[in-house]
């Protein structure tokens, strides 16, 4: 199954028009009961161009919050720690909301940890910025599957790279090898990084990810079939997959892994990433199938437009991310 560039134009054109320079990372709110009606709060919100995304916690009126120390700033997040005192009414059955969430594309994983070992997990979304805290709920691990899917589909740099890989598949078997190589590679580094076996600073990782997309776009535009990209596409997919795995791990570190079910959460997040990736591949191949039935001739220059678009966007990301890295 040869996949000509013209069969991917519509999908790529749509993608190029909808991407932005930075993917939105999730926020994370952990509330841990340390004694009756008293709670330690860990509050992580995404960093955008060196500033914290403006998200304000709102606890019940009978609760008072005291900040513990100064905010900690990482490559991708601002982290605050609070001590929350909810007098005699406690927190169970009361609502926690996040003001400013409705104007973002960010989700927030809320994890409530009670002294008796029970956990309450919930995801806040822009259209649902509040939650009523309960004592009993499912484990919430399935949310990691959902986060994995959403992270791939909203991580436009990863989406562009996967779409770029589709140009290299000259047959169904070769496409399977390419996508599998990318999957195996980023699964390895995602696991190693999420478990703190290997850790890289997120800022240079995002710079190199942008560079990998630019390299792919340049080689596709040149169309030199003697280059290693076309001769060994599965190898290039594997090498760059290792880099993209560190990018996936950055998002996973932002929301954290539950200490009592770390491996399950990691596995579900990774499966979610793979589901999202397969959705992109399936969309691309479905478009190929549809366009094969409509063999209208296109201008000879048109197939290069999406590749040039991917190259321009990745170059923009590369410049912007490098500037942030140098400035930090």
C-alpha atoms as a PDB file:
ATOM      1  CA  UNK A   1       0.000   0.000   0.000  1.00  0.00           C
ATOM      2  CA  UNK A   2       1.872   3.037  -1.248  1.00  0.00           C
ATOM      3  CA  UNK A   3       0.791   6.301   0.387  1.00  0.00           C
ATOM      4  CA  UNK A   4       1.305   9.248  -1.978  1.00  0.00           C
ATOM      5  CA  UNK A   5       1.637  12.646  -0.389  1.00  0.00           C
ATOM      6  CA  UNK A   6      -1.461  14.015  -2.095  1.00  0.00           C
ATOM      7  CA  UNK A   7      -3.648  11.557  -0.178  1.00  0.00           C
ATOM      8  CA  UNK A   8      -2.572  13.170   3.095  1.00  0.00           C
ATOM      9  CA  UNK A   9      -3.024  16.792   2.065  1.00  0.00           C
ATOM     10  CA  UNK A  10      -6.435  17.358   3.621  1.00  0.00           C
ATOM     11  CA  UNK A  11      -5.499  15.875   6.980  1.00  0.00           C
ATOM     12  CA  UNK A  12      -2.157  17.639   7.105  1.00  0.00           C
ATOM     13  CA  UNK A  13      -3.638  20.919   6.007  1.00  0.00           C
ATOM     14  CA  UNK A  14      -6.167  20.752   8.810  1.00  0.00           C
ATOM     15  CA  UNK A  15      -3.467  19.866  11.316  1.00  0.00           C
ATOM     16  CA  UNK A  16      -1.184  22.679  10.208  1.00  0.00           C
ATOM     17  CA  UNK A  17      -4.005  25.195  10.570  1.00  0.00           C
ATOM     18  CA  UNK A  18      -4.949  24.101  14.066  1.00  0.00           C
ATOM     19  CA  UNK A  19      -1.613  23.606  15.808  1.00  0.00           C
ATOM     20  CA  UNK A  20      -0.211  26.039  18.348  1.00  0.00           C
ATOM     21  CA  UNK A  21       3.300  26.633  19.609  1.00  0.00           C
ATOM     22  CA  UNK A  22       2.817  24.870  22.942  1.00  0.00           C
ATOM     23  CA  UNK A  23       0.658  21.989  24.014  1.00  0.00           C
ATOM     24  CA  UNK A  24      -1.401  22.553  27.131  1.00  0.00           C
ATOM     25  CA  UNK A  25      -0.180  20.409  29.999  1.00  0.00           C
ATOM     26  CA  UNK A  26      -2.513  19.195  32.737  1.00  0.00           C
ATOM     27  CA  UNK A  27      -2.523  20.678  36.229  1.00  0.00           C
ATOM     28  CA  UNK A  28      -2.465  18.599  39.401  1.00  0.00           C
ATOM     29  CA  UNK A  29      -4.103  19.114  42.792  1.00  0.00           C
ATOM     30  CA  UNK A  30      -3.372  16.734  45.657  1.00  0.00           C
ATOM     31  CA  UNK A  31      -5.134  17.116  49.019  1.00  0.00           C
ATOM     32  CA  UNK A  32      -3.803  14.865  51.785  1.00  0.00           C
ATOM     33  CA  UNK A  33      -5.510  14.537  55.154  1.00  0.00           C
ATOM     34  CA  UNK A  34      -2.805  14.756  57.848  1.00  0.00           C
ATOM     35  CA  UNK A  35      -5.151  14.908  60.840  1.00  0.00           C
ATOM     36  CA  UNK A  36      -8.864  15.352  61.325  1.00  0.00           C
ATOM     37  CA  UNK A  37     -10.052  18.334  59.236  1.00  0.00           C
ATOM     38  CA  UNK A  38      -6.478  19.408  58.410  1.00  0.00           C
ATOM     39  CA  UNK A  39      -4.939  18.838  54.987  1.00  0.00           C
ATOM     40  CA  UNK A  40      -1.683  19.314  53.122  1.00  0.00           C
ATOM     41  CA  UNK A  41      -2.270  20.668  49.615  1.00  0.00           C
ATOM     42  CA  UNK A  42       0.073  20.258  46.641  1.00  0.00           C
ATOM     43  CA  UNK A  43      -0.907  22.494  43.734  1.00  0.00           C
ATOM     44  CA  UNK A  44       0.863  22.225  40.342  1.00  0.00           C
ATOM     45  CA  UNK A  45      -0.194  24.423  37.454  1.00  0.00           C
ATOM     46  CA  UNK A  46       1.367  24.647  34.002  1.00  0.00           C
ATOM     47  CA  UNK A  47       4.001  27.214  33.169  1.00  0.00           C
ATOM     48  CA  UNK A  48       3.386  29.122  29.944  1.00  0.00           C
ATOM     49  CA  UNK A  49       6.172  31.340  28.561  1.00  0.00           C
ATOM     50  CA  UNK A  50       7.784  31.589  31.973  1.00  0.00           C
ATOM     51  CA  UNK A  51       4.604  32.417  33.893  1.00  0.00           C
ATOM     52  CA  UNK A  52       2.139  30.360  35.855  1.00  0.00           C
ATOM     53  CA  UNK A  53      -1.169  29.713  34.153  1.00  0.00           C
ATOM     54  CA  UNK A  54      -3.652  31.851  36.104  1.00  0.00           C
ATOM     55  CA  UNK A  55      -5.701  29.270  37.982  1.00  0.00           C
ATOM     56  CA  UNK A  56      -7.034  30.130  41.457  1.00  0.00           C
ATOM     57  CA  UNK A  57      -8.099  27.519  44.005  1.00  0.00           C
ATOM     58  CA  UNK A  58     -11.349  28.130  45.860  1.00  0.00           C
ATOM     59  CA  UNK A  59     -12.024  26.065  48.992  1.00  0.00           C
ATOM     60  CA  UNK A  60     -15.214  26.080  51.113  1.00  0.00           C
ATOM     61  CA  UNK A  61     -15.777  29.272  53.129  1.00  0.00           C
ATOM     62  CA  UNK A  62     -15.180  27.509  56.450  1.00  0.00           C
ATOM     63  CA  UNK A  63     -11.654  26.451  55.339  1.00  0.00           C
ATOM     64  CA  UNK A  64      -8.567  28.616  55.726  1.00  0.00           C
ATOM     65  CA  UNK A  65      -5.427  28.057  53.661  1.00  0.00           C
ATOM     66  CA  UNK A  66      -1.892  29.023  54.652  1.00  0.00           C
ATOM     67  CA  UNK A  67       0.926  28.858  52.103  1.00  0.00           C
ATOM     68  CA  UNK A  68       3.966  26.839  53.135  1.00  0.00           C
ATOM     69  CA  UNK A  69       7.095  28.524  51.813  1.00  0.00           C
ATOM     70  CA  UNK A  70       7.655  30.051  48.402  1.00  0.00           C
ATOM     71  CA  UNK A  71       6.436  28.645  45.111  1.00  0.00           C
ATOM     72  CA  UNK A  72       8.773  26.209  43.374  1.00  0.00           C
ATOM     73  CA  UNK A  73       9.312  26.731  39.643  1.00  0.00           C
ATOM     74  CA  UNK A  74      10.290  23.847  37.346  1.00  0.00           C
ATOM     75  CA  UNK A  75      10.748  23.612  33.589  1.00  0.00           C
ATOM     76  CA  UNK A  76       7.033  23.128  33.051  1.00  0.00           C
ATOM     77  CA  UNK A  77       5.129  23.956  36.253  1.00  0.00           C
ATOM     78  CA  UNK A  78       4.658  26.254  39.231  1.00  0.00           C
ATOM     79  CA  UNK A  79       4.258  24.329  42.476  1.00  0.00           C
ATOM     80  CA  UNK A  80       2.620  25.630  45.638  1.00  0.00           C
ATOM     81  CA  UNK A  81       2.185  23.900  49.004  1.00  0.00           C
ATOM     82  CA  UNK A  82      -0.559  24.867  51.416  1.00  0.00           C
ATOM     83  CA  UNK A  83      -1.880  23.850  54.816  1.00  0.00           C
ATOM     84  CA  UNK A  84      -5.675  23.738  54.798  1.00  0.00           C
ATOM     85  CA  UNK A  85      -7.717  23.921  58.038  1.00  0.00           C
ATOM     86  CA  UNK A  86     -11.426  23.138  57.606  1.00  0.00           C
ATOM     87  CA  UNK A  87     -12.466  23.584  61.298  1.00  0.00           C
ATOM     88  CA  UNK A  88     -15.081  21.131  62.493  1.00  0.00           C
ATOM     89  CA  UNK A  89     -16.972  20.792  59.205  1.00  0.00           C
ATOM     90  CA  UNK A  90     -14.176  19.052  57.360  1.00  0.00           C
ATOM     91  CA  UNK A  91     -13.929  18.751  53.585  1.00  0.00           C
ATOM     92  CA  UNK A  92     -16.054  15.710  52.777  1.00  0.00           C
ATOM     93  CA  UNK A  93     -19.266  16.730  51.032  1.00  0.00           C
ATOM     94  CA  UNK A  94     -17.966  20.203  50.209  1.00  0.00           C
ATOM     95  CA  UNK A  95     -16.845  21.641  46.883  1.00  0.00           C
ATOM     96  CA  UNK A  96     -13.446  22.676  45.584  1.00  0.00           C
ATOM     97  CA  UNK A  97     -13.361  24.818  42.463  1.00  0.00           C
ATOM     98  CA  UNK A  98     -10.697  26.371  40.243  1.00  0.00           C
ATOM     99  CA  UNK A  99     -11.377  29.863  38.935  1.00  0.00           C
ATOM    100  CA  UNK A 100      -9.929  30.681  35.524  1.00  0.00           C
ATOM    101  CA  UNK A 101     -10.117  27.090  34.269  1.00  0.00           C
ATOM    102  CA  UNK A 102     -12.997  27.805  31.887  1.00  0.00           C
ATOM    103  CA  UNK A 103     -10.770  30.078  29.794  1.00  0.00           C
ATOM    104  CA  UNK A 104      -8.099  27.413  29.204  1.00  0.00           C
ATOM    105  CA  UNK A 105      -7.578  24.077  27.436  1.00  0.00           C
ATOM    106  CA  UNK A 106      -6.207  22.542  30.641  1.00  0.00           C
ATOM    107  CA  UNK A 107      -7.512  19.585  32.646  1.00  0.00           C
ATOM    108  CA  UNK A 108      -6.774  19.177  36.350  1.00  0.00           C
ATOM    109  CA  UNK A 109      -6.320  15.830  38.065  1.00  0.00           C
ATOM    110  CA  UNK A 110      -7.654  16.086  41.642  1.00  0.00           C
ATOM    111  CA  UNK A 111      -6.467  13.427  44.075  1.00  0.00           C
ATOM    112  CA  UNK A 112      -7.868  13.350  47.603  1.00  0.00           C
ATOM    113  CA  UNK A 113      -5.981  11.092  50.024  1.00  0.00           C
ATOM    114  CA  UNK A 114      -7.751  10.303  53.298  1.00  0.00           C
ATOM    115  CA  UNK A 115      -6.022   9.119  56.467  1.00  0.00           C
ATOM    116  CA  UNK A 116      -7.857   5.792  56.336  1.00  0.00           C
ATOM    117  CA  UNK A 117      -6.139   4.969  53.027  1.00  0.00           C
ATOM    118  CA  UNK A 118      -9.093   5.699  50.749  1.00  0.00           C
ATOM    119  CA  UNK A 119      -8.542   7.878  47.712  1.00  0.00           C
ATOM    120  CA  UNK A 120     -10.848  10.123  45.741  1.00  0.00           C
ATOM    121  CA  UNK A 121      -9.828  10.977  42.180  1.00  0.00           C
ATOM    122  CA  UNK A 122     -11.500  13.291  39.716  1.00  0.00           C
ATOM    123  CA  UNK A 123     -10.670  15.316  36.603  1.00  0.00           C
ATOM    124  CA  UNK A 124     -11.698  18.965  36.404  1.00  0.00           C
ATOM    125  CA  UNK A 125     -12.283  20.288  32.895  1.00  0.00           C
ATOM    126  CA  UNK A 126     -12.873  23.803  31.534  1.00  0.00           C
ATOM    127  CA  UNK A 127     -16.630  23.187  31.421  1.00  0.00           C
ATOM    128  CA  UNK A 128     -16.628  21.502  34.867  1.00  0.00           C
ATOM    129  CA  UNK A 129     -14.234  23.507  37.090  1.00  0.00           C
ATOM    130  CA  UNK A 130     -15.529  22.217  40.434  1.00  0.00           C
ATOM    131  CA  UNK A 131     -15.978  18.944  42.311  1.00  0.00           C
ATOM    132  CA  UNK A 132     -17.631  17.829  45.539  1.00  0.00           C
ATOM    133  CA  UNK A 133     -15.104  15.915  47.624  1.00  0.00           C
ATOM    134  CA  UNK A 134     -16.247  12.436  48.711  1.00  0.00           C
ATOM    135  CA  UNK A 135     -14.771   9.799  50.978  1.00  0.00           C
ATOM    136  CA  UNK A 136     -15.575   6.841  48.782  1.00  0.00           C
ATOM    137  CA  UNK A 137     -14.910   6.592  45.057  1.00  0.00           C
ATOM    138  CA  UNK A 138     -13.311   4.267  42.519  1.00  0.00           C
ATOM    139  CA  UNK A 139      -9.512   4.291  42.392  1.00  0.00           C
ATOM    140  CA  UNK A 140      -9.531   6.730  39.484  1.00  0.00           C
ATOM    141  CA  UNK A 141      -6.661   4.965  37.709  1.00  0.00           C
ATOM    142  CA  UNK A 142      -8.709   4.920  34.509  1.00  0.00           C
ATOM    143  CA  UNK A 143      -8.155   8.681  34.365  1.00  0.00           C
ATOM    144  CA  UNK A 144      -4.530   7.971  33.459  1.00  0.00           C
ATOM    145  CA  UNK A 145      -5.727   6.149  30.347  1.00  0.00           C
ATOM    146  CA  UNK A 146      -7.767   9.200  29.423  1.00  0.00           C
ATOM    147  CA  UNK A 147      -4.855  11.532  30.132  1.00  0.00           C
ATOM    148  CA  UNK A 148      -2.631   9.480  27.838  1.00  0.00           C
ATOM    149  CA  UNK A 149      -5.101   9.717  24.972  1.00  0.00           C
ATOM    150  CA  UNK A 150      -5.678  13.436  25.467  1.00  0.00           C
ATOM    151  CA  UNK A 151      -1.971  14.171  25.807  1.00  0.00           C
ATOM    152  CA  UNK A 152      -1.187  12.561  22.458  1.00  0.00           C
ATOM    153  CA  UNK A 153      -4.103  14.178  20.638  1.00  0.00           C
ATOM    154  CA  UNK A 154      -3.469  17.652  22.096  1.00  0.00           C
ATOM    155  CA  UNK A 155       0.314  17.351  21.904  1.00  0.00           C
ATOM    156  CA  UNK A 156       0.486  18.814  18.428  1.00  0.00           C
ATOM    157  CA  UNK A 157       4.228  18.262  18.054  1.00  0.00           C
ATOM    158  CA  UNK A 158       3.755  14.514  18.598  1.00  0.00           C
ATOM    159  CA  UNK A 159       0.778  14.472  16.226  1.00  0.00           C
ATOM    160  CA  UNK A 160       2.777  16.201  13.481  1.00  0.00           C
ATOM    161  CA  UNK A 161       5.635  13.747  13.898  1.00  0.00           C
ATOM    162  CA  UNK A 162       3.318  10.725  13.659  1.00  0.00           C
ATOM    163  CA  UNK A 163       1.653  12.178  10.556  1.00  0.00           C
ATOM    164  CA  UNK A 164       5.074  12.803   9.049  1.00  0.00           C
ATOM    165  CA  UNK A 165       5.922   9.134   9.588  1.00  0.00           C
ATOM    166  CA  UNK A 166       2.939   8.173   7.433  1.00  0.00           C
ATOM    167  CA  UNK A 167       4.694   9.665   4.407  1.00  0.00           C
ATOM    168  CA  UNK A 168       7.422   7.056   4.793  1.00  0.00           C
ATOM    169  CA  UNK A 169       5.199   3.972   4.608  1.00  0.00           C
ATOM    170  CA  UNK A 170       5.531   2.534   1.102  1.00  0.00           C
ATOM    171  CA  UNK A 171       3.614  -0.565   2.150  1.00  0.00           C
ATOM    172  CA  UNK A 172       1.365  -1.686   4.985  1.00  0.00           C
ATOM    173  CA  UNK A 173       4.148  -3.812   6.486  1.00  0.00           C
ATOM    174  CA  UNK A 174       6.665  -0.977   6.357  1.00  0.00           C
ATOM    175  CA  UNK A 175       4.192   1.400   7.996  1.00  0.00           C
ATOM    176  CA  UNK A 176       3.618  -1.159  10.763  1.00  0.00           C
ATOM    177  CA  UNK A 177       7.387  -1.412  11.333  1.00  0.00           C
ATOM    178  CA  UNK A 178       7.776   2.366  11.467  1.00  0.00           C
ATOM    179  CA  UNK A 179       4.922   2.967  13.904  1.00  0.00           C
ATOM    180  CA  UNK A 180       5.936  -0.016  16.052  1.00  0.00           C
ATOM    181  CA  UNK A 181       9.530   1.253  16.279  1.00  0.00           C
ATOM    182  CA  UNK A 182       8.309   4.666  17.386  1.00  0.00           C
ATOM    183  CA  UNK A 183       5.968   3.062  19.938  1.00  0.00           C
ATOM    184  CA  UNK A 184       8.586   0.749  21.464  1.00  0.00           C
ATOM    185  CA  UNK A 185      11.133   3.549  21.738  1.00  0.00           C
ATOM    186  CA  UNK A 186       8.968   6.124  23.452  1.00  0.00           C
ATOM    187  CA  UNK A 187       7.489   3.451  25.747  1.00  0.00           C
ATOM    188  CA  UNK A 188      11.005   2.646  26.995  1.00  0.00           C
ATOM    189  CA  UNK A 189      12.027   6.221  27.783  1.00  0.00           C
ATOM    190  CA  UNK A 190       8.577   7.098  29.136  1.00  0.00           C
ATOM    191  CA  UNK A 191       8.870   4.296  31.673  1.00  0.00           C
ATOM    192  CA  UNK A 192      12.486   5.012  32.610  1.00  0.00           C
ATOM    193  CA  UNK A 193      11.843   8.726  33.044  1.00  0.00           C
ATOM    194  CA  UNK A 194       8.506   8.415  34.868  1.00  0.00           C
ATOM    195  CA  UNK A 195      10.100   6.000  37.360  1.00  0.00           C
ATOM    196  CA  UNK A 196      13.094   8.347  37.819  1.00  0.00           C
ATOM    197  CA  UNK A 197      15.599   5.822  36.466  1.00  0.00           C
ATOM    198  CA  UNK A 198      16.615   8.422  33.859  1.00  0.00           C
ATOM    199  CA  UNK A 199      15.584  12.057  33.952  1.00  0.00           C
ATOM    200  CA  UNK A 200      16.265  14.876  31.532  1.00  0.00           C
ATOM    201  CA  UNK A 201      15.362  18.529  31.861  1.00  0.00           C
ATOM    202  CA  UNK A 202      12.116  19.116  29.987  1.00  0.00           C
ATOM    203  CA  UNK A 203      13.126  22.346  28.252  1.00  0.00           C
ATOM    204  CA  UNK A 204      16.008  20.916  26.164  1.00  0.00           C
ATOM    205  CA  UNK A 205      13.919  17.796  25.481  1.00  0.00           C
ATOM    206  CA  UNK A 206      11.202  19.957  23.893  1.00  0.00           C
ATOM    207  CA  UNK A 207      13.868  21.766  21.854  1.00  0.00           C
ATOM    208  CA  UNK A 208      15.168  18.468  20.467  1.00  0.00           C
ATOM    209  CA  UNK A 209      11.613  17.251  19.765  1.00  0.00           C
ATOM    210  CA  UNK A 210      11.026  20.362  17.652  1.00  0.00           C
ATOM    211  CA  UNK A 211      14.339  19.679  15.913  1.00  0.00           C
ATOM    212  CA  UNK A 212      13.277  16.093  15.148  1.00  0.00           C
ATOM    213  CA  UNK A 213      10.097  17.316  13.451  1.00  0.00           C
ATOM    214  CA  UNK A 214      12.062  19.895  11.468  1.00  0.00           C
ATOM    215  CA  UNK A 215      14.537  17.225  10.357  1.00  0.00           C
ATOM    216  CA  UNK A 216      11.669  14.987   9.241  1.00  0.00           C
ATOM    217  CA  UNK A 217      10.026  17.828   7.299  1.00  0.00           C
ATOM    218  CA  UNK A 218      13.272  18.846   5.585  1.00  0.00           C
ATOM    219  CA  UNK A 219      14.046  15.290   4.504  1.00  0.00           C
ATOM    220  CA  UNK A 220      10.496  14.786   3.245  1.00  0.00           C
ATOM    221  CA  UNK A 221      10.690  18.032   1.269  1.00  0.00           C
ATOM    222  CA  UNK A 222      14.003  16.984  -0.288  1.00  0.00           C
ATOM    223  CA  UNK A 223      12.592  13.573  -1.186  1.00  0.00           C
ATOM    224  CA  UNK A 224      16.040  12.012  -1.490  1.00  0.00           C
ATOM    225  CA  UNK A 225      15.325   8.284  -1.494  1.00  0.00           C
ATOM    226  CA  UNK A 226      18.994   7.533  -0.879  1.00  0.00           C
ATOM    227  CA  UNK A 227      18.955   9.259   2.549  1.00  0.00           C
ATOM    228  CA  UNK A 228      18.844   7.171   5.721  1.00  0.00           C
ATOM    229  CA  UNK A 229      15.338   8.463   6.447  1.00  0.00           C
ATOM    230  CA  UNK A 230      13.969   6.644   3.404  1.00  0.00           C
ATOM    231  CA  UNK A 231      16.376   3.694   3.547  1.00  0.00           C
ATOM    232  CA  UNK A 232      15.852   2.933   7.257  1.00  0.00           C
ATOM    233  CA  UNK A 233      12.719   4.813   8.349  1.00  0.00           C
ATOM    234  CA  UNK A 234      12.078   2.438  11.239  1.00  0.00           C
ATOM    235  CA  UNK A 235      15.525   3.270  12.693  1.00  0.00           C
ATOM    236  CA  UNK A 236      14.892   7.019  12.520  1.00  0.00           C
ATOM    237  CA  UNK A 237      11.448   6.481  14.070  1.00  0.00           C
ATOM    238  CA  UNK A 238      13.072   4.509  16.904  1.00  0.00           C
ATOM    239  CA  UNK A 239      15.781   7.091  17.613  1.00  0.00           C
ATOM    240  CA  UNK A 240      13.363  10.003  17.647  1.00  0.00           C
ATOM    241  CA  UNK A 241      10.842   7.903  19.570  1.00  0.00           C
ATOM    242  CA  UNK A 242      13.334   7.765  22.446  1.00  0.00           C
ATOM    243  CA  UNK A 243      13.303  11.565  22.553  1.00  0.00           C
ATOM    244  CA  UNK A 244       9.530  11.850  22.336  1.00  0.00           C
ATOM    245  CA  UNK A 245       9.208   9.419  25.249  1.00  0.00           C
ATOM    246  CA  UNK A 246      10.929  11.956  27.497  1.00  0.00           C
ATOM    247  CA  UNK A 247       8.376  14.498  26.305  1.00  0.00           C
ATOM    248  CA  UNK A 248       5.493  12.210  27.275  1.00  0.00           C
ATOM    249  CA  UNK A 249       7.135  11.641  30.658  1.00  0.00           C
ATOM    250  CA  UNK A 250       7.202  15.388  31.301  1.00  0.00           C
ATOM    251  CA  UNK A 251       3.408  15.533  31.190  1.00  0.00           C
ATOM    252  CA  UNK A 252       3.132  12.448  33.389  1.00  0.00           C
ATOM    253  CA  UNK A 253       5.471  13.959  35.994  1.00  0.00           C
ATOM    254  CA  UNK A 254       3.303  17.077  36.047  1.00  0.00           C
ATOM    255  CA  UNK A 255       0.299  15.104  37.280  1.00  0.00           C
ATOM    256  CA  UNK A 256       2.305  12.581  39.292  1.00  0.00           C
ATOM    257  CA  UNK A 257       1.977   8.830  39.788  1.00  0.00           C
ATOM    258  CA  UNK A 258       0.089   7.358  42.742  1.00  0.00           C
ATOM    259  CA  UNK A 259       2.595   5.705  45.088  1.00  0.00           C
ATOM    260  CA  UNK A 260       0.236   2.805  45.778  1.00  0.00           C
ATOM    261  CA  UNK A 261      -0.402   1.983  42.111  1.00  0.00           C
ATOM    262  CA  UNK A 262       2.517   3.498  40.243  1.00  0.00           C
ATOM    263  CA  UNK A 263       3.042   0.756  37.662  1.00  0.00           C
ATOM    264  CA  UNK A 264      -0.651   0.464  36.839  1.00  0.00           C
ATOM    265  CA  UNK A 265      -0.960   4.220  36.348  1.00  0.00           C
ATOM    266  CA  UNK A 266       2.148   4.263  34.149  1.00  0.00           C
ATOM    267  CA  UNK A 267       0.857   1.344  32.087  1.00  0.00           C
ATOM    268  CA  UNK A 268      -2.564   2.959  31.596  1.00  0.00           C
ATOM    269  CA  UNK A 269      -1.031   6.307  30.618  1.00  0.00           C
ATOM    270  CA  UNK A 270       1.210   4.585  28.076  1.00  0.00           C
ATOM    271  CA  UNK A 271      -1.712   2.584  26.674  1.00  0.00           C
ATOM    272  CA  UNK A 272      -3.622   5.850  26.378  1.00  0.00           C
ATOM    273  CA  UNK A 273      -0.764   7.388  24.409  1.00  0.00           C
ATOM    274  CA  UNK A 274      -0.785   4.387  22.059  1.00  0.00           C
ATOM    275  CA  UNK A 275      -4.542   4.619  21.591  1.00  0.00           C
ATOM    276  CA  UNK A 276      -4.200   8.287  20.707  1.00  0.00           C
ATOM    277  CA  UNK A 277      -1.396   7.484  18.297  1.00  0.00           C
ATOM    278  CA  UNK A 278      -3.443   4.751  16.618  1.00  0.00           C
ATOM    279  CA  UNK A 279      -6.342   7.198  16.288  1.00  0.00           C
ATOM    280  CA  UNK A 280      -4.065   9.549  14.342  1.00  0.00           C
ATOM    281  CA  UNK A 281      -2.812   6.702  12.136  1.00  0.00           C
ATOM    282  CA  UNK A 282      -6.344   5.408  11.571  1.00  0.00           C
ATOM    283  CA  UNK A 283      -7.557   8.882  10.614  1.00  0.00           C
ATOM    284  CA  UNK A 284      -4.713   9.212   8.138  1.00  0.00           C
ATOM    285  CA  UNK A 285      -5.279   5.818   6.548  1.00  0.00           C
ATOM    286  CA  UNK A 286      -9.033   6.398   6.405  1.00  0.00           C
ATOM    287  CA  UNK A 287      -8.414   9.609   4.518  1.00  0.00           C
ATOM    288  CA  UNK A 288      -6.074   7.748   2.176  1.00  0.00           C
ATOM    289  CA  UNK A 289      -8.790   5.174   1.501  1.00  0.00           C
ATOM    290  CA  UNK A 290     -11.368   7.869   0.764  1.00  0.00           C
ATOM    291  CA  UNK A 291      -9.107   9.863  -1.502  1.00  0.00           C
ATOM    292  CA  UNK A 292      -8.059   6.788  -3.473  1.00  0.00           C
ATOM    293  CA  UNK A 293     -11.603   6.619  -4.817  1.00  0.00           C
ATOM    294  CA  UNK A 294     -11.352  10.208  -6.105  1.00  0.00           C
ATOM    295  CA  UNK A 295      -8.323  10.336  -8.415  1.00  0.00           C
ATOM    296  CA  UNK A 296      -8.651  14.013  -9.285  1.00  0.00           C
ATOM    297  CA  UNK A 297      -5.371  15.473 -10.463  1.00  0.00           C
ATOM    298  CA  UNK A 298      -3.790  18.021  -8.163  1.00  0.00           C
ATOM    299  CA  UNK A 299      -1.211  20.713  -8.965  1.00  0.00           C
ATOM    300  CA  UNK A 300       2.270  19.204  -8.783  1.00  0.00           C
ATOM    301  CA  UNK A 301       3.390  21.726  -6.169  1.00  0.00           C
ATOM    302  CA  UNK A 302       0.447  21.125  -3.837  1.00  0.00           C
ATOM    303  CA  UNK A 303       1.702  17.927  -2.153  1.00  0.00           C
ATOM    304  CA  UNK A 304       4.699  19.852  -0.809  1.00  0.00           C
ATOM    305  CA  UNK A 305       2.588  22.495   0.936  1.00  0.00           C
ATOM    306  CA  UNK A 306       1.774  20.397   4.046  1.00  0.00           C
ATOM    307  CA  UNK A 307       5.411  19.377   4.423  1.00  0.00           C
ATOM    308  CA  UNK A 308       6.505  23.006   4.162  1.00  0.00           C
ATOM    309  CA  UNK A 309       3.860  23.857   6.750  1.00  0.00           C
ATOM    310  CA  UNK A 310       5.174  21.230   9.152  1.00  0.00           C
ATOM    311  CA  UNK A 311       8.698  22.512   8.583  1.00  0.00           C
ATOM    312  CA  UNK A 312       7.677  26.133   9.227  1.00  0.00           C
ATOM    313  CA  UNK A 313       5.811  25.269  12.420  1.00  0.00           C
ATOM    314  CA  UNK A 314       8.610  23.073  13.771  1.00  0.00           C
ATOM    315  CA  UNK A 315      11.141  25.814  12.974  1.00  0.00           C
ATOM    316  CA  UNK A 316       8.960  28.276  14.899  1.00  0.00           C
ATOM    317  CA  UNK A 317       8.810  25.873  17.840  1.00  0.00           C
ATOM    318  CA  UNK A 318      12.564  25.326  17.667  1.00  0.00           C
ATOM    319  CA  UNK A 319      13.328  29.051  17.772  1.00  0.00           C
ATOM    320  CA  UNK A 320      10.802  29.748  20.525  1.00  0.00           C
ATOM    321  CA  UNK A 321      11.819  26.828  22.737  1.00  0.00           C
ATOM    322  CA  UNK A 322      15.523  27.532  22.254  1.00  0.00           C
ATOM    323  CA  UNK A 323      14.968  31.159  23.241  1.00  0.00           C
ATOM    324  CA  UNK A 324      13.165  30.088  26.408  1.00  0.00           C
ATOM    325  CA  UNK A 325      15.930  27.609  27.233  1.00  0.00           C
ATOM    326  CA  UNK A 326      18.669  30.229  26.807  1.00  0.00           C
ATOM    327  CA  UNK A 327      16.705  32.814  28.793  1.00  0.00           C
ATOM    328  CA  UNK A 328      15.997  30.498  31.704  1.00  0.00           C
END
